[in-house]
Amino acid sequence: FVNLDFEGIKEQDLAAHALIAKIADEIDMSARVSRRLPVRWSGVYPNDPAHRRLVKAMGVIKQLRVRHEYLSPAEEARLTLFVRHCRNYIAAVKPKTADEKTLAAEKFADYMNNCLESCQKQLTPTARHMLCSRIGELLDNAEQHAGMVDWTIKGYLDTSLSSPLCEIVIFNFGKSLADTLGELPIDGFTMRQISPYLDMHVRRGLFGAKWRRPDLLTVLALQQGVSSKNTSGQTTRGKGTTDLLEFFQKINDELAKESEQGAKMTIISGD
């Protein structure tokens, strides 16, 4: 028996609910595979109507298919939603894999255009192509580096609020950015590239409880031209994440011309 109590929630976001939904799905599947008694779910909604709407539209309600708690068609019509995921525990060569990533990237670009329509904006053909390319590369990196082909993209736009809310979350499971860099051979190209920064932190005694080696490795992994797949100065991996950050920054700058609201981006890797 599992009870999810959201009643006291003051703040929430799509990423948190996406992860809770994923955990609930794993628990449910584990019970079915092991042929144990089915898991019984119950819960309490948040008090805030907008928060409750997100739980019903994109949280555990949809993940567990609690159909009698779905939003009414009229309520859902005021939302613009996107869900795309790939669930495999082991990376394997599959003919459909490339197509799934390409299709997910294209559908996500269409979703971005649908969201921008609410602001009377549209992606240019060049921007749409760039977004498809960067999202495809991001998903490809998630599969190649993490060791698990398990990724999710979700989007949520609620235009019924006085200040419309748009959230996007992209996440995957497996090795973290720091894990991937930390496992590289000491004499390899990328480790030689980042070692001066690691050594400087050690010499100056900068590592401690609040700033650790994995933290620095995570920051280094996000720098232009740094990738665990690079083998020399001529290989050009390690641009995708930086380009994607710049892409969303440009969208934010464009929308900020007509609104005082700024966007917020968070990158979380490992712990």
Protein backbone atom coordinates (compact mmCIF):
# COMPACT_ATOMS: atom_id res chain seq x y z
CA PHE A 1 0.00 0.00 0.00
CA VAL A 2 1.47 3.37 -1.06
CA ASN A 3 0.04 6.76 -0.13
CA LEU A 4 1.24 9.94 -1.89
CA ASP A 5 0.34 13.03 0.12
CA PHE A 6 0.75 16.29 -1.84
CA GLU A 7 -1.61 18.35 0.32
CA GLY A 8 0.98 20.60 1.94
CA ILE A 9 2.90 21.40 -1.25
CA LYS A 10 3.75 25.09 -1.61
CA GLU A 11 5.97 24.78 -4.68
CA GLN A 12 6.33 22.07 -7.31
CA ASP A 13 7.73 21.52 -10.76
CA LEU A 14 7.29 19.17 -13.69
CA ALA A 15 10.65 17.45 -13.12
CA ALA A 16 9.74 16.38 -9.57
CA HIS A 17 6.39 14.98 -10.68
CA ALA A 18 7.96 13.26 -13.69
CA LEU A 19 10.43 11.46 -11.38
CA ILE A 20 7.70 10.48 -8.90
CA ALA A 21 5.64 9.12 -11.79
CA LYS A 22 8.65 7.15 -13.03
CA ILE A 23 9.25 5.65 -9.57
CA ALA A 24 5.56 4.72 -9.26
CA ASP A 25 5.70 3.04 -12.66
CA GLU A 26 8.79 1.03 -11.67
CA ILE A 27 7.15 -0.09 -8.41
CA ASP A 28 4.02 -1.13 -10.27
CA MET A 29 5.94 -3.03 -12.94
CA SER A 30 8.16 -4.76 -10.37
CA ALA A 31 5.08 -6.03 -8.55
CA ARG A 32 3.59 -7.37 -11.79
CA VAL A 33 6.80 -9.06 -12.95
CA SER A 34 7.39 -10.74 -9.58
CA ARG A 35 3.71 -11.74 -9.45
CA ARG A 36 3.29 -10.27 -6.00
CA LEU A 37 0.03 -8.76 -4.86
CA PRO A 38 -0.77 -5.61 -6.87
CA VAL A 39 0.31 -2.33 -5.30
CA ARG A 40 -2.58 -0.33 -3.89
CA TRP A 41 -2.20 3.42 -4.46
CA SER A 42 -3.90 6.31 -2.71
CA GLY A 43 -3.13 9.98 -2.34
CA VAL A 44 -4.09 13.53 -1.48
CA TYR A 45 -4.01 16.31 -4.07
CA PRO A 46 -2.29 19.68 -3.52
CA ASN A 47 -4.59 22.44 -2.28
CA ASP A 48 -3.64 24.79 -5.13
CA PRO A 49 -5.91 24.15 -8.18
CA ALA A 50 -3.02 24.79 -10.60
CA HIS A 51 -0.83 22.30 -8.75
CA ARG A 52 -3.67 19.77 -8.76
CA ARG A 53 -4.07 20.24 -12.51
CA LEU A 54 -0.40 19.36 -13.12
CA VAL A 55 -0.64 16.19 -10.99
CA LYS A 56 -3.66 15.04 -12.97
CA ALA A 57 -2.28 15.96 -16.37
CA MET A 58 1.37 14.87 -16.09
CA GLY A 59 1.94 13.17 -12.71
CA VAL A 60 1.16 9.79 -11.19
CA ILE A 61 -2.51 9.96 -12.23
CA LYS A 62 -1.60 9.58 -15.90
CA GLN A 63 1.35 7.26 -15.25
CA LEU A 64 -0.80 4.81 -13.26
CA ARG A 65 -3.78 5.28 -15.61
CA VAL A 66 -6.23 6.32 -12.88
CA ARG A 67 -8.80 7.20 -15.54
CA HIS A 68 -11.59 8.33 -13.23
CA GLU A 69 -9.25 11.09 -11.96
CA TYR A 70 -8.26 12.43 -15.39
CA LEU A 71 -8.91 16.07 -16.22
CA SER A 72 -12.10 16.81 -18.10
CA PRO A 73 -11.66 17.41 -21.86
CA ALA A 74 -12.44 21.11 -21.29
CA GLU A 75 -9.71 21.42 -18.63
CA GLU A 76 -7.13 19.53 -20.67
CA ALA A 77 -7.91 21.67 -23.73
CA ARG A 78 -6.39 24.63 -21.87
CA LEU A 79 -3.08 22.76 -21.54
CA THR A 80 -0.41 22.00 -24.14
CA LEU A 81 1.27 18.71 -23.23
CA PHE A 82 4.19 16.65 -24.52
CA VAL A 83 5.39 13.20 -23.44
CA ARG A 84 7.99 11.06 -25.15
CA HIS A 85 10.10 8.33 -23.56
CA CYS A 86 12.28 5.34 -24.31
CA ARG A 87 12.54 2.61 -21.72
CA ASN A 88 15.34 0.06 -21.95
CA TYR A 89 17.66 -0.97 -19.16
CA ILE A 90 20.56 -2.08 -21.36
CA ALA A 91 21.91 -0.27 -24.39
CA ALA A 92 21.35 -2.50 -27.39
CA VAL A 93 21.50 -2.07 -31.13
CA LYS A 94 17.96 -1.83 -32.40
CA PRO A 95 16.86 -0.79 -35.89
CA LYS A 96 14.17 1.48 -34.43
CA THR A 97 16.40 3.30 -31.91
CA ALA A 98 17.69 6.00 -34.28
CA ASP A 99 14.20 6.60 -35.65
CA GLU A 100 12.77 6.94 -32.13
CA LYS A 101 15.29 9.63 -31.23
CA THR A 102 14.81 11.49 -34.51
CA LEU A 103 11.04 11.36 -34.20
CA ALA A 104 11.17 12.47 -30.56
CA ALA A 105 13.34 15.46 -31.51
CA GLU A 106 11.02 16.44 -34.38
CA LYS A 107 7.88 16.11 -32.27
CA PHE A 108 9.50 18.17 -29.50
CA ALA A 109 10.32 20.95 -31.98
CA ASP A 110 6.66 20.93 -33.06
CA TYR A 111 5.67 21.14 -29.39
CA MET A 112 7.94 24.16 -28.88
CA ASN A 113 6.22 25.86 -31.81
CA ASN A 114 2.81 25.10 -30.29
CA CYS A 115 3.92 26.71 -27.02
CA LEU A 116 5.37 29.75 -28.78
CA GLU A 117 2.10 30.23 -30.65
CA SER A 118 0.55 31.37 -27.36
CA CYS A 119 2.99 34.33 -27.54
CA GLN A 120 2.41 34.85 -31.28
CA LYS A 121 5.92 33.56 -31.98
CA GLN A 122 7.31 30.74 -34.14
CA LEU A 123 10.66 29.09 -34.64
CA THR A 124 12.34 29.93 -37.91
CA PRO A 125 13.06 26.91 -40.16
CA THR A 126 16.74 27.26 -39.25
CA ALA A 127 15.96 27.35 -35.52
CA ARG A 128 13.65 24.34 -35.80
CA HIS A 129 16.36 22.36 -37.61
CA MET A 130 18.91 23.38 -34.97
CA LEU A 131 16.59 22.35 -32.12
CA CYS A 132 15.93 18.94 -33.72
CA SER A 133 19.66 18.42 -34.13
CA ARG A 134 20.53 19.42 -30.56
CA ILE A 135 17.77 17.37 -28.92
CA GLY A 136 18.72 14.37 -31.06
CA GLU A 137 22.35 14.77 -29.98
CA LEU A 138 21.32 15.13 -26.35
CA LEU A 139 19.35 11.86 -26.46
CA ASP A 140 22.20 10.17 -28.30
CA ASN A 141 24.64 11.32 -25.59
CA ALA A 142 22.27 10.09 -22.88
CA GLU A 143 22.33 6.63 -24.42
CA GLN A 144 26.04 6.47 -25.28
CA HIS A 145 27.42 7.85 -22.00
CA ALA A 146 24.92 6.65 -19.40
CA GLY A 147 24.91 2.94 -20.27
CA MET A 148 21.10 2.79 -20.07
CA VAL A 149 18.68 3.56 -22.90
CA ASP A 150 16.13 5.17 -20.61
CA TRP A 151 15.19 8.78 -21.32
CA THR A 152 12.10 10.94 -20.98
CA ILE A 153 11.02 14.32 -22.36
CA LYS A 154 7.96 16.07 -20.95
CA GLY A 155 6.48 19.48 -21.66
CA TYR A 156 3.68 21.35 -19.88
CA LEU A 157 2.07 24.66 -20.81
CA ASP A 158 -0.84 26.02 -18.74
CA THR A 159 -2.34 29.12 -20.35
CA SER A 160 -5.29 29.32 -17.94
CA LEU A 161 -3.12 31.04 -15.30
CA SER A 162 -2.81 34.82 -15.05
CA SER A 163 0.88 34.31 -15.90
CA PRO A 164 1.06 31.30 -18.26
CA LEU A 165 3.39 28.56 -17.02
CA CYS A 166 5.61 26.54 -19.37
CA GLU A 167 7.89 23.77 -18.09
CA ILE A 168 10.11 21.32 -19.94
CA VAL A 169 12.04 18.43 -18.44
CA ILE A 170 14.51 16.07 -20.12
CA PHE A 171 16.05 13.35 -18.00
CA ASN A 172 17.71 9.95 -18.20
CA PHE A 173 19.11 7.32 -15.86
CA GLY A 174 22.53 5.71 -15.70
CA LYS A 175 26.02 7.13 -15.20
CA SER A 176 26.29 10.80 -14.26
CA LEU A 177 28.44 13.35 -16.09
CA ALA A 178 31.05 13.08 -13.33
CA ASP A 179 31.01 9.27 -13.46
CA THR A 180 31.68 9.29 -17.20
CA LEU A 181 34.65 11.68 -16.99
CA GLY A 182 36.01 10.13 -13.79
CA GLU A 183 36.26 6.68 -15.40
CA LEU A 184 38.47 7.88 -18.25
CA PRO A 185 42.10 6.64 -18.44
CA ILE A 186 44.60 9.06 -16.89
CA ASP A 187 46.71 9.16 -20.06
CA GLY A 188 43.72 9.72 -22.38
CA PHE A 189 43.15 12.95 -24.31
CA THR A 190 40.18 14.26 -22.31
CA MET A 191 41.73 13.52 -18.91
CA ARG A 192 44.92 15.33 -19.98
CA GLN A 193 42.68 18.20 -21.10
CA ILE A 194 40.95 18.61 -17.72
CA SER A 195 43.71 17.47 -15.33
CA PRO A 196 45.22 20.98 -14.90
CA TYR A 197 41.92 22.19 -13.41
CA LEU A 198 41.64 19.18 -11.11
CA ASP A 199 45.28 19.50 -10.01
CA MET A 200 44.91 23.22 -9.32
CA HIS A 201 41.93 22.57 -7.03
CA VAL A 202 43.91 19.92 -5.14
CA ARG A 203 46.99 22.19 -4.75
CA ARG A 204 44.90 25.08 -3.43
CA GLY A 205 42.88 22.86 -1.10
CA LEU A 206 39.60 23.91 -2.72
CA PHE A 207 37.89 20.54 -2.42
CA GLY A 208 35.83 19.92 0.70
CA ALA A 209 32.36 18.98 1.90
CA LYS A 210 30.64 21.68 -0.19
CA TRP A 211 32.78 21.52 -3.33
CA ARG A 212 33.94 18.05 -4.32
CA ARG A 213 35.82 16.48 -7.22
CA PRO A 214 32.56 15.15 -8.81
CA ASP A 215 31.14 18.69 -8.70
CA LEU A 216 34.09 20.08 -10.66
CA LEU A 217 33.94 17.16 -13.12
CA THR A 218 30.27 17.99 -13.76
CA VAL A 219 31.09 21.63 -14.51
CA LEU A 220 33.99 20.59 -16.76
CA ALA A 221 31.74 18.15 -18.66
CA LEU A 222 29.51 21.09 -19.63
CA GLN A 223 32.35 23.11 -21.18
CA GLN A 224 32.65 23.57 -24.91
CA GLY A 225 34.84 20.89 -26.49
CA VAL A 226 34.99 18.58 -23.46
CA SER A 227 33.68 15.06 -24.09
CA SER A 228 34.61 11.58 -22.93
CA LYS A 229 34.38 10.55 -26.62
CA ASN A 230 37.12 12.92 -27.82
CA THR A 231 40.42 11.25 -28.65
CA SER A 232 42.40 14.23 -29.98
CA GLY A 233 42.21 17.94 -30.69
CA GLN A 234 40.69 17.12 -34.07
CA THR A 235 37.61 15.35 -32.67
CA THR A 236 34.73 17.75 -32.11
CA ARG A 237 32.40 16.16 -29.58
CA GLY A 238 31.26 18.21 -26.58
CA LYS A 239 29.35 21.03 -28.28
CA GLY A 240 25.75 19.82 -28.07
CA THR A 241 24.96 20.75 -24.47
CA THR A 242 26.49 24.21 -24.78
CA ASP A 243 24.61 24.85 -28.04
CA LEU A 244 21.34 23.73 -26.44
CA LEU A 245 21.87 26.11 -23.51
CA GLU A 246 22.52 28.96 -25.92
CA PHE A 247 19.42 28.02 -27.94
CA PHE A 248 17.11 28.31 -24.94
CA GLN A 249 18.90 31.47 -23.83
CA LYS A 250 18.05 33.05 -27.20
CA ILE A 251 14.38 32.03 -26.85
CA ASN A 252 14.32 33.53 -23.37
CA ASP A 253 15.93 36.77 -24.58
CA GLU A 254 13.37 37.07 -27.38
CA LEU A 255 10.39 36.51 -25.08
CA ALA A 256 11.84 38.82 -22.42
CA LYS A 257 11.40 41.75 -24.81
CA GLU A 258 7.66 41.58 -24.17
CA SER A 259 7.56 40.21 -20.63
CA GLU A 260 9.33 40.87 -17.36
CA GLN A 261 9.26 37.18 -16.46
CA GLY A 262 12.56 35.41 -16.87
CA ALA A 263 13.10 31.72 -17.53
CA LYS A 264 14.95 29.37 -15.19
CA MET A 265 17.07 26.41 -16.24
CA THR A 266 18.44 23.77 -13.90
CA ILE A 267 20.94 21.04 -14.76
CA ILE A 268 21.18 18.18 -12.28
CA SER A 269 23.55 15.25 -12.66
CA GLY A 270 24.20 12.48 -10.15
CA ASP A 271 23.95 13.67 -6.55
